């Protein structure tokens, strides 16, 4: 797969990941943390804010793989 195509696909995947993850994390927070103290909210959003980086790291690592050399 050409590197430019891999980067395009990876960028689209990261955008979808971020949007879906933000929607799910916020929905869970609204449904479960309504009456919780502020420090529980802080802990929840800190953890969920960092967790999305793990799948994004693998996507970025895949995007940065070198392409196969062309046979000339």
PDB file of N, CA and C in Angstrom:
ATOM      1  N   UNK A   1       0.851  -1.167   0.000  1.00  0.00           N
ATOM      2  CA  UNK A   1       0.000   0.000   0.000  1.00  0.00           C
ATOM      3  C   UNK A   1       0.899   1.232   0.000  1.00  0.00           C
ATOM      4  N   UNK A   2       0.618   2.174  -0.865  1.00  0.00           N
ATOM      5  CA  UNK A   2       1.441   3.387  -0.906  1.00  0.00           C
ATOM      6  C   UNK A   2       1.330   4.184   0.410  1.00  0.00           C
ATOM      7  N   UNK A   3       2.421   4.802   0.821  1.00  0.00           N
ATOM      8  CA  UNK A   3       2.399   5.553   2.079  1.00  0.00           C
ATOM      9  C   UNK A   3       1.343   6.658   2.118  1.00  0.00           C
ATOM     10  N   UNK A   4       1.106   7.325   0.993  1.00  0.00           N
ATOM     11  CA  UNK A   4       0.116   8.407   0.990  1.00  0.00           C
ATOM     12  C   UNK A   4      -1.288   7.878   1.257  1.00  0.00           C
ATOM     13  N   UNK A   5      -1.626   6.737   0.687  1.00  0.00           N
ATOM     14  CA  UNK A   5      -2.934   6.130   0.915  1.00  0.00           C
ATOM     15  C   UNK A   5      -3.061   5.651   2.356  1.00  0.00           C
ATOM     16  N   UNK A   6      -1.977   5.066   2.873  1.00  0.00           N
ATOM     17  CA  UNK A   6      -1.983   4.602   4.259  1.00  0.00           C
ATOM     18  C   UNK A   6      -2.192   5.782   5.212  1.00  0.00           C
ATOM     19  N   UNK A   7      -1.570   6.914   4.936  1.00  0.00           N
ATOM     20  CA  UNK A   7      -1.732   8.089   5.796  1.00  0.00           C
ATOM     21  C   UNK A   7      -3.134   8.661   5.703  1.00  0.00           C
ATOM     22  N   UNK A   8      -3.725   8.634   4.515  1.00  0.00           N
ATOM     23  CA  UNK A   8      -5.106   9.101   4.363  1.00  0.00           C
ATOM     24  C   UNK A   8      -6.058   8.221   5.147  1.00  0.00           C
ATOM     25  N   UNK A   9      -5.925   6.913   5.008  1.00  0.00           N
ATOM     26  CA  UNK A   9      -6.791   5.982   5.740  1.00  0.00           C
ATOM     27  C   UNK A   9      -6.589   6.141   7.242  1.00  0.00           C
ATOM     28  N   UNK A  10      -5.343   6.254   7.680  1.00  0.00           N
ATOM     29  CA  UNK A  10      -5.060   6.426   9.105  1.00  0.00           C
ATOM     30  C   UNK A  10      -5.640   7.709   9.662  1.00  0.00           C
ATOM     31  N   UNK A  11      -5.568   8.783   8.902  1.00  0.00           N
ATOM     32  CA  UNK A  11      -6.127  10.053   9.352  1.00  0.00           C
ATOM     33  C   UNK A  11      -7.639   9.956   9.515  1.00  0.00           C
ATOM     34  N   UNK A  12      -8.303   9.332   8.559  1.00  0.00           N
ATOM     35  CA  UNK A  12      -9.758   9.157   8.653  1.00  0.00           C
ATOM     36  C   UNK A  12     -10.098   8.279   9.854  1.00  0.00           C
ATOM     37  N   UNK A  13      -9.333   7.209  10.070  1.00  0.00           N
ATOM     38  CA  UNK A  13      -9.583   6.341  11.220  1.00  0.00           C
ATOM     39  C   UNK A  13      -9.406   7.071  12.541  1.00  0.00           C
ATOM     40  N   UNK A  14      -8.387   7.905  12.646  1.00  0.00           N
ATOM     41  CA  UNK A  14      -8.168   8.649  13.888  1.00  0.00           C
ATOM     42  C   UNK A  14      -9.308   9.639  14.131  1.00  0.00           C
ATOM     43  N   UNK A  15      -9.773  10.308  13.088  1.00  0.00           N
ATOM     44  CA  UNK A  15     -10.885  11.246  13.242  1.00  0.00           C
ATOM     45  C   UNK A  15     -12.133  10.511  13.719  1.00  0.00           C
ATOM     46  N   UNK A  16     -12.425   9.363  13.108  1.00  0.00           N
ATOM     47  CA  UNK A  16     -13.592   8.578  13.522  1.00  0.00           C
ATOM     48  C   UNK A  16     -13.417   8.095  14.954  1.00  0.00           C
ATOM     49  N   UNK A  17     -12.225   7.622  15.297  1.00  0.00           N
ATOM     50  CA  UNK A  17     -11.941   7.161  16.653  1.00  0.00           C
ATOM     51  C   UNK A  17     -12.186   8.261  17.673  1.00  0.00           C
ATOM     52  N   UNK A  18     -11.667   9.435  17.416  1.00  0.00           N
ATOM     53  CA  UNK A  18     -11.803  10.544  18.360  1.00  0.00           C
ATOM     54  C   UNK A  18     -13.269  10.939  18.519  1.00  0.00           C
ATOM     55  N   UNK A  19     -13.987  11.048  17.420  1.00  0.00           N
ATOM     56  CA  UNK A  19     -15.394  11.443  17.506  1.00  0.00           C
ATOM     57  C   UNK A  19     -16.234  10.407  18.245  1.00  0.00           C
ATOM     58  N   UNK A  20     -16.097   9.143  17.883  1.00  0.00           N
ATOM     59  CA  UNK A  20     -16.869   8.102  18.561  1.00  0.00           C
ATOM     60  C   UNK A  20     -16.483   7.974  20.024  1.00  0.00           C
ATOM     61  N   UNK A  21     -15.197   8.019  20.297  1.00  0.00           N
ATOM     62  CA  UNK A  21     -14.738   7.886  21.677  1.00  0.00           C
ATOM     63  C   UNK A  21     -15.242   9.039  22.538  1.00  0.00           C
ATOM     64  N   UNK A  22     -15.209  10.245  21.998  1.00  0.00           N
ATOM     65  CA  UNK A  22     -15.700  11.395  22.764  1.00  0.00           C
ATOM     66  C   UNK A  22     -17.194  11.279  23.036  1.00  0.00           C
ATOM     67  N   UNK A  23     -17.948  10.846  22.035  1.00  0.00           N
ATOM     68  CA  UNK A  23     -19.388  10.675  22.234  1.00  0.00           C
ATOM     69  C   UNK A  23     -19.693   9.606  23.276  1.00  0.00           C
ATOM     70  N   UNK A  24     -19.012   8.478  23.205  1.00  0.00           N
ATOM     71  CA  UNK A  24     -19.250   7.394  24.162  1.00  0.00           C
ATOM     72  C   UNK A  24     -18.812   7.802  25.566  1.00  0.00           C
ATOM     73  N   UNK A  25     -17.637   8.396  25.693  1.00  0.00           N
ATOM     74  CA  UNK A  25     -17.135   8.791  27.017  1.00  0.00           C
ATOM     75  C   UNK A  25     -18.044   9.834  27.660  1.00  0.00           C
ATOM     76  N   UNK A  26     -18.524  10.783  26.875  1.00  0.00           N
ATOM     77  CA  UNK A  26     -19.407  11.810  27.420  1.00  0.00           C
ATOM     78  C   UNK A  26     -20.767  11.233  27.774  1.00  0.00           C
ATOM     79  N   UNK A  27     -21.279  10.337  26.951  1.00  0.00           N
ATOM     80  CA  UNK A  27     -22.567   9.713  27.245  1.00  0.00           C
ATOM     81  C   UNK A  27     -22.497   8.889  28.519  1.00  0.00           C
ATOM     82  N   UNK A  28     -21.430   8.127  28.693  1.00  0.00           N
ATOM     83  CA  UNK A  28     -21.251   7.351  29.919  1.00  0.00           C
ATOM     84  C   UNK A  28     -21.139   8.278  31.125  1.00  0.00           C
ATOM     85  N   UNK A  29     -20.415   9.361  30.973  1.00  0.00           N
ATOM     86  CA  UNK A  29     -20.264  10.305  32.085  1.00  0.00           C
ATOM     87  C   UNK A  29     -21.600  10.921  32.474  1.00  0.00           C
ATOM     88  N   UNK A  30     -22.388  11.330  31.507  1.00  0.00           N
ATOM     89  CA  UNK A  30     -23.685  11.940  31.796  1.00  0.00           C
ATOM     90  C   UNK A  30     -24.618  10.928  32.445  1.00  0.00           C
ATOM     91  N   UNK A  31     -24.573   9.683  31.983  1.00  0.00           N
ATOM     92  CA  UNK A  31     -25.487   8.658  32.500  1.00  0.00           C
ATOM     93  C   UNK A  31     -25.098   8.162  33.888  1.00  0.00           C
ATOM     94  N   UNK A  32     -23.818   8.189  34.222  1.00  0.00           N
ATOM     95  CA  UNK A  32     -23.393   7.567  35.483  1.00  0.00           C
ATOM     96  C   UNK A  32     -22.826   8.527  36.521  1.00  0.00           C
ATOM     97  N   UNK A  33     -22.324   9.673  36.111  1.00  0.00           N
ATOM     98  CA  UNK A  33     -21.618  10.540  37.056  1.00  0.00           C
ATOM     99  C   UNK A  33     -22.411  11.779  37.454  1.00  0.00           C
ATOM    100  N   UNK A  34     -23.696  11.772  37.257  1.00  0.00           N
ATOM    101  CA  UNK A  34     -24.495  12.970  37.495  1.00  0.00           C
ATOM    102  C   UNK A  34     -24.386  13.528  38.909  1.00  0.00           C
ATOM    103  N   UNK A  35     -24.410  12.680  39.911  1.00  0.00           N
ATOM    104  CA  UNK A  35     -24.389  13.135  41.299  1.00  0.00           C
ATOM    105  C   UNK A  35     -23.033  12.939  41.983  1.00  0.00           C
ATOM    106  N   UNK A  36     -22.020  12.621  41.215  1.00  0.00           N
ATOM    107  CA  UNK A  36     -20.697  12.375  41.784  1.00  0.00           C
ATOM    108  C   UNK A  36     -19.985  13.688  42.090  1.00  0.00           C
ATOM    109  N   UNK A  37     -19.067  13.656  43.054  1.00  0.00           N
ATOM    110  CA  UNK A  37     -18.292  14.866  43.363  1.00  0.00           C
ATOM    111  C   UNK A  37     -17.337  15.238  42.225  1.00  0.00           C
ATOM    112  N   UNK A  38     -16.812  16.454  42.302  1.00  0.00           N
ATOM    113  CA  UNK A  38     -15.982  16.993  41.226  1.00  0.00           C
ATOM    114  C   UNK A  38     -14.725  16.169  40.987  1.00  0.00           C
ATOM    115  N   UNK A  39     -14.146  15.608  42.058  1.00  0.00           N
ATOM    116  CA  UNK A  39     -12.897  14.866  41.876  1.00  0.00           C
ATOM    117  C   UNK A  39     -13.122  13.541  41.137  1.00  0.00           C
ATOM    118  N   UNK A  40     -14.299  12.970  41.236  1.00  0.00           N
ATOM    119  CA  UNK A  40     -14.615  11.771  40.452  1.00  0.00           C
ATOM    120  C   UNK A  40     -14.719  12.143  38.971  1.00  0.00           C
ATOM    121  N   UNK A  41     -15.336  13.277  38.681  1.00  0.00           N
ATOM    122  CA  UNK A  41     -15.413  13.776  37.305  1.00  0.00           C
ATOM    123  C   UNK A  41     -14.007  14.021  36.758  1.00  0.00           C
ATOM    124  N   UNK A  42     -13.165  14.652  37.557  1.00  0.00           N
ATOM    125  CA  UNK A  42     -11.798  14.934  37.138  1.00  0.00           C
ATOM    126  C   UNK A  42     -11.044  13.639  36.849  1.00  0.00           C
ATOM    127  N   UNK A  43     -11.160  12.667  37.723  1.00  0.00           N
ATOM    128  CA  UNK A  43     -10.492  11.380  37.525  1.00  0.00           C
ATOM    129  C   UNK A  43     -11.026  10.676  36.280  1.00  0.00           C
ATOM    130  N   UNK A  44     -12.338  10.654  36.103  1.00  0.00           N
ATOM    131  CA  UNK A  44     -12.943   9.981  34.953  1.00  0.00           C
ATOM    132  C   UNK A  44     -12.475  10.613  33.644  1.00  0.00           C
ATOM    133  N   UNK A  45     -12.563  11.932  33.554  1.00  0.00           N
ATOM    134  CA  UNK A  45     -12.191  12.581  32.301  1.00  0.00           C
ATOM    135  C   UNK A  45     -10.680  12.562  32.062  1.00  0.00           C
ATOM    136  N   UNK A  46      -9.886  12.498  33.105  1.00  0.00           N
ATOM    137  CA  UNK A  46      -8.447  12.346  32.929  1.00  0.00           C
ATOM    138  C   UNK A  46      -8.118  10.969  32.357  1.00  0.00           C
ATOM    139  N   UNK A  47      -8.724   9.943  32.929  1.00  0.00           N
ATOM    140  CA  UNK A  47      -8.461   8.574  32.453  1.00  0.00           C
ATOM    141  C   UNK A  47      -8.991   8.393  31.040  1.00  0.00           C
ATOM    142  N   UNK A  48     -10.223   8.800  30.797  1.00  0.00           N
ATOM    143  CA  UNK A  48     -10.774   8.611  29.456  1.00  0.00           C
ATOM    144  C   UNK A  48     -10.091   9.517  28.432  1.00  0.00           C
ATOM    145  N   UNK A  49      -9.586  10.639  28.866  1.00  0.00           N
ATOM    146  CA  UNK A  49      -8.866  11.520  27.961  1.00  0.00           C
ATOM    147  C   UNK A  49      -7.532  10.961  27.528  1.00  0.00           C
ATOM    148  N   UNK A  50      -6.947  10.108  28.343  1.00  0.00           N
ATOM    149  CA  UNK A  50      -5.660   9.502  28.014  1.00  0.00           C
ATOM    150  C   UNK A  50      -5.848   8.167  27.286  1.00  0.00           C
ATOM    151  N   UNK A  51      -6.932   7.451  27.552  1.00  0.00           N
ATOM    152  CA  UNK A  51      -7.120   6.114  26.978  1.00  0.00           C
ATOM    153  C   UNK A  51      -7.243   6.094  25.459  1.00  0.00           C
ATOM    154  N   UNK A  52      -7.773   7.139  24.856  1.00  0.00           N
ATOM    155  CA  UNK A  52      -7.929   7.126  23.403  1.00  0.00           C
ATOM    156  C   UNK A  52      -6.592   7.190  22.677  1.00  0.00           C
ATOM    157  N   UNK A  53      -5.547   7.575  23.412  1.00  0.00           N
ATOM    158  CA  UNK A  53      -4.222   7.680  22.801  1.00  0.00           C
ATOM    159  C   UNK A  53      -3.676   6.304  22.436  1.00  0.00           C
ATOM    160  N   UNK A  54      -4.033   5.264  23.190  1.00  0.00           N
ATOM    161  CA  UNK A  54      -3.495   3.925  22.916  1.00  0.00           C
ATOM    162  C   UNK A  54      -3.868   3.415  21.524  1.00  0.00           C
ATOM    163  N   UNK A  55      -5.149   3.400  21.129  1.00  0.00           N
ATOM    164  CA  UNK A  55      -5.435   2.967  19.763  1.00  0.00           C
ATOM    165  C   UNK A  55      -4.872   3.924  18.714  1.00  0.00           C
ATOM    166  N   UNK A  56      -4.833   5.215  19.040  1.00  0.00           N
ATOM    167  CA  UNK A  56      -4.281   6.182  18.088  1.00  0.00           C
ATOM    168  C   UNK A  56      -2.793   5.927  17.856  1.00  0.00           C
ATOM    169  N   UNK A  57      -2.073   5.483  18.884  1.00  0.00           N
ATOM    170  CA  UNK A  57      -0.655   5.169  18.726  1.00  0.00           C
ATOM    171  C   UNK A  57      -0.448   4.050  17.718  1.00  0.00           C
ATOM    172  N   UNK A  58      -1.284   3.012  17.792  1.00  0.00           N
ATOM    173  CA  UNK A  58      -1.148   1.904  16.861  1.00  0.00           C
ATOM    174  C   UNK A  58      -1.494   2.324  15.434  1.00  0.00           C
ATOM    175  N   UNK A  59      -2.486   3.184  15.287  1.00  0.00           N
ATOM    176  CA  UNK A  59      -2.836   3.675  13.952  1.00  0.00           C
ATOM    177  C   UNK A  59      -1.692   4.510  13.382  1.00  0.00           C
ATOM    178  N   UNK A  60      -1.114   5.370  14.203  1.00  0.00           N
ATOM    179  CA  UNK A  60      -0.005   6.210  13.738  1.00  0.00           C
ATOM    180  C   UNK A  60       1.213   5.355  13.398  1.00  0.00           C
ATOM    181  N   UNK A  61       1.483   4.342  14.212  1.00  0.00           N
ATOM    182  CA  UNK A  61       2.610   3.445  13.928  1.00  0.00           C
ATOM    183  C   UNK A  61       2.392   2.733  12.588  1.00  0.00           C
ATOM    184  N   UNK A  62       1.148   2.308  12.326  1.00  0.00           N
ATOM    185  CA  UNK A  62       0.832   1.662  11.057  1.00  0.00           C
ATOM    186  C   UNK A  62       0.981   2.648   9.893  1.00  0.00           C
ATOM    187  N   UNK A  63       0.571   3.899  10.116  1.00  0.00           N
ATOM    188  CA  UNK A  63       0.672   4.915   9.072  1.00  0.00           C
ATOM    189  C   UNK A  63       2.122   5.185   8.684  1.00  0.00           C
ATOM    190  N   UNK A  64       3.025   5.091   9.627  1.00  0.00           N
ATOM    191  CA  UNK A  64       4.417   5.454   9.392  1.00  0.00           C
ATOM    192  C   UNK A  64       5.275   4.323   8.845  1.00  0.00           C
ATOM    193  N   UNK A  65       4.690   3.142   8.638  1.00  0.00           N
ATOM    194  CA  UNK A  65       5.470   2.056   8.045  1.00  0.00           C
ATOM    195  C   UNK A  65       5.947   2.471   6.663  1.00  0.00           C
ATOM    196  N   UNK A  66       7.177   2.118   6.330  1.00  0.00           N
ATOM    197  CA  UNK A  66       7.650   2.456   4.976  1.00  0.00           C
ATOM    198  C   UNK A  66       6.934   1.601   3.938  1.00  0.00           C
ATOM    199  N   UNK A  67       6.751   2.174   2.773  1.00  0.00           N
ATOM    200  CA  UNK A  67       6.125   1.448   1.677  1.00  0.00           C
ATOM    201  C   UNK A  67       7.083   0.438   1.086  1.00  0.00           C
ATOM    202  N   UNK A  68       6.526  -0.510   0.352  1.00  0.00           N
ATOM    203  CA  UNK A  68       7.371  -1.489  -0.324  1.00  0.00           C
ATOM    204  C   UNK A  68       8.064  -0.813  -1.494  1.00  0.00           C
ATOM    205  N   UNK A  69       9.349  -1.157  -1.716  1.00  0.00           N
ATOM    206  CA  UNK A  69      10.048  -0.552  -2.849  1.00  0.00           C
ATOM    207  C   UNK A  69       9.447  -1.035  -4.171  1.00  0.00           C
ATOM    208  N   UNK A  70       9.404  -0.140  -5.121  1.00  0.00           N
ATOM    209  CA  UNK A  70       8.857  -0.476  -6.440  1.00  0.00           C
ATOM    210  C   UNK A  70       9.898  -1.238  -7.247  1.00  0.00           C
ATOM    211  N   UNK A  71       9.426  -2.228  -7.968  1.00  0.00           N
ATOM    212  CA  UNK A  71      10.310  -2.948  -8.891  1.00  0.00           C
ATOM    213  C   UNK A  71      10.417  -2.158 -10.172  1.00  0.00           C
ATOM    214  N   UNK A  72      11.610  -1.846 -10.559  1.00  0.00           N
ATOM    215  CA  UNK A  72      11.790  -1.037 -11.773  1.00  0.00           C
ATOM    216  C   UNK A  72      12.295  -1.865 -12.902  1.00  0.00           C
TER     217      UNK A  72
END
